[in-house]
Amino acid sequence: QLHTYPQQFTSNPGALYIGKSRSKETKTIHSHQFQYATANAGVCYSRKLLTMLRESIHPKSMYVQGCAAMGVPDDVYFAYLLKSKLNIALTVADGFHYHDEKEFFVQVINGSAMV
C-alpha cells in the first residue's frame, strides 16, 4: 500500500523525498551536492514536504522560471530547492524503477522484484 510505504523511512518523518536516481553520481549547483529522483523512475513527495516548499514552487510560473534560469530540468531543480532551502536529500528507494531499467524487468520475470 502506497500510504504505508513511507513509514519505513525514518530519517525525517513527515518530510520525505523518496525515489530513485538514474545515476549514483551527485549533482553540484552553487556548492550544494545532491542526488535527484528522475520522474520516470517514480518519486514520492510527502504532503509535509510540499507544504514546506510551497513558497518556492508556487505559483507554477515561478518554478518554471527557476528551472530556466538555472538551465536544469524540473526534477533537478526540485532536488536543488530541497537541498538548498530545507537541507533535505533524496531517500533512495530501490523498489522504484525507471522505464528502461532492464534489470528490474528481469527481476519481475524471475519473481524477485519488489512490486
Protein backbone atom coordinates (compact mmCIF):
# COMPACT_ATOMS: atom_id res chain seq x y z
CA GLN A 1 0.00 0.00 0.00
CA LEU A 2 1.39 3.36 -1.02
CA HIS A 3 0.16 5.19 2.08
CA THR A 4 2.12 2.82 4.39
CA TYR A 5 5.26 2.59 2.23
CA PRO A 6 6.91 5.82 3.57
CA GLN A 7 6.74 4.53 7.16
CA GLN A 8 9.92 2.51 6.59
CA PHE A 9 11.93 5.72 6.12
CA THR A 10 12.66 7.39 9.43
CA SER A 11 15.38 9.91 8.57
CA ASN A 12 12.95 12.85 8.59
CA PRO A 13 9.44 11.65 9.46
CA GLY A 14 6.82 13.55 7.58
CA ALA A 15 9.09 15.49 5.20
CA LEU A 16 10.01 12.81 2.71
CA TYR A 17 11.52 12.89 -0.77
CA ILE A 18 11.69 9.27 -1.91
CA GLY A 19 12.70 7.98 -5.31
CA LYS A 20 15.44 6.59 -7.45
CA SER A 21 18.18 8.32 -9.37
CA ARG A 22 19.40 7.08 -12.73
CA SER A 23 22.94 7.67 -11.51
CA LYS A 24 24.84 7.26 -8.27
CA GLU A 25 26.68 10.49 -9.07
CA THR A 26 25.79 13.65 -7.22
CA LYS A 27 24.96 16.93 -8.88
CA THR A 28 26.53 20.16 -7.60
CA ILE A 29 24.87 23.54 -8.01
CA HIS A 30 26.02 26.59 -6.04
CA SER A 31 28.07 24.38 -3.69
CA HIS A 32 25.08 22.15 -2.86
CA GLN A 33 25.67 18.46 -3.63
CA PHE A 34 22.62 16.27 -4.11
CA GLN A 35 21.10 13.34 -5.93
CA TYR A 36 17.78 13.75 -7.67
CA ALA A 37 14.98 11.35 -8.43
CA THR A 38 14.12 11.07 -12.07
CA ALA A 39 10.41 11.46 -12.59
CA ASN A 40 10.22 8.48 -14.91
CA ALA A 41 11.61 6.32 -12.09
CA GLY A 42 8.79 7.24 -9.79
CA VAL A 43 9.06 9.70 -6.99
CA CYS A 44 7.12 10.27 -3.79
CA TYR A 45 6.78 13.62 -2.03
CA SER A 46 5.09 13.84 1.35
CA ARG A 47 2.41 16.46 1.86
CA LYS A 48 4.52 18.00 4.65
CA LEU A 49 7.48 18.38 2.30
CA LEU A 50 5.40 20.09 -0.39
CA THR A 51 3.88 22.41 2.21
CA MET A 52 7.35 23.35 3.44
CA LEU A 53 8.49 24.12 -0.11
CA ARG A 54 5.29 25.78 -1.33
CA GLU A 55 6.63 29.35 -1.37
CA SER A 56 9.45 28.24 -3.70
CA ILE A 57 7.30 26.32 -6.18
CA HIS A 58 4.08 28.31 -6.28
CA PRO A 59 2.94 29.87 -8.48
CA LYS A 60 3.99 27.39 -11.13
CA SER A 61 5.42 30.15 -13.33
CA MET A 62 7.97 30.98 -10.62
CA TYR A 63 9.06 27.32 -10.53
CA VAL A 64 9.38 27.13 -14.31
CA GLN A 65 11.37 30.39 -14.33
CA GLY A 66 13.72 28.92 -11.71
CA CYS A 67 14.34 25.86 -13.88
CA ALA A 68 15.01 28.05 -16.91
CA ALA A 69 17.29 30.46 -15.02
CA MET A 70 19.46 27.59 -13.78
CA GLY A 71 19.28 25.71 -17.08
CA VAL A 72 18.23 22.44 -15.47
CA PRO A 73 15.23 20.11 -15.79
CA ASP A 74 12.43 20.34 -13.26
CA ASP A 75 13.43 17.20 -11.33
CA VAL A 76 16.97 18.55 -10.82
CA TYR A 77 15.67 21.97 -9.79
CA PHE A 78 13.24 20.44 -7.31
CA ALA A 79 16.04 18.44 -5.66
CA TYR A 80 18.22 21.56 -5.59
CA LEU A 81 15.48 23.53 -3.81
CA LEU A 82 15.05 20.76 -1.25
CA LYS A 83 18.78 20.62 -0.53
CA SER A 84 19.49 24.36 -0.58
CA LYS A 85 16.42 25.58 1.30
CA LEU A 86 15.48 22.68 3.58
CA ASN A 87 18.62 20.51 3.66
CA ILE A 88 16.53 17.50 2.63
CA ALA A 89 18.19 14.87 0.49
CA LEU A 90 16.76 12.14 -1.68
CA THR A 91 15.93 8.95 0.16
CA VAL A 92 16.80 6.26 -2.38
CA ALA A 93 14.20 3.54 -2.73
CA ASP A 94 15.44 0.54 -4.69
CA GLY A 95 11.84 -0.59 -5.19
CA PHE A 96 11.31 2.35 -7.54
CA HIS A 97 12.42 1.84 -11.14
CA TYR A 98 12.70 3.78 -14.36
CA HIS A 99 11.17 2.60 -17.62
CA ASP A 100 14.37 1.44 -19.31
CA GLU A 101 15.93 -0.30 -16.32
CA LYS A 102 16.37 -3.75 -17.84
CA GLU A 103 17.47 -5.46 -14.62
CA PHE A 104 14.18 -4.58 -12.93
CA PHE A 105 12.15 -6.34 -15.61
CA VAL A 106 14.38 -9.42 -15.38
CA GLN A 107 13.65 -9.45 -11.63
CA VAL A 108 9.90 -9.17 -12.29
CA ILE A 109 10.03 -12.16 -14.62
CA ASN A 110 12.07 -14.14 -12.07
CA GLY A 111 9.73 -13.12 -9.26
CA SER A 112 12.40 -11.37 -7.19
CA ALA A 113 11.34 -7.73 -7.82
CA MET A 114 9.57 -5.72 -5.16
CA VAL A 115 6.41 -4.55 -6.94
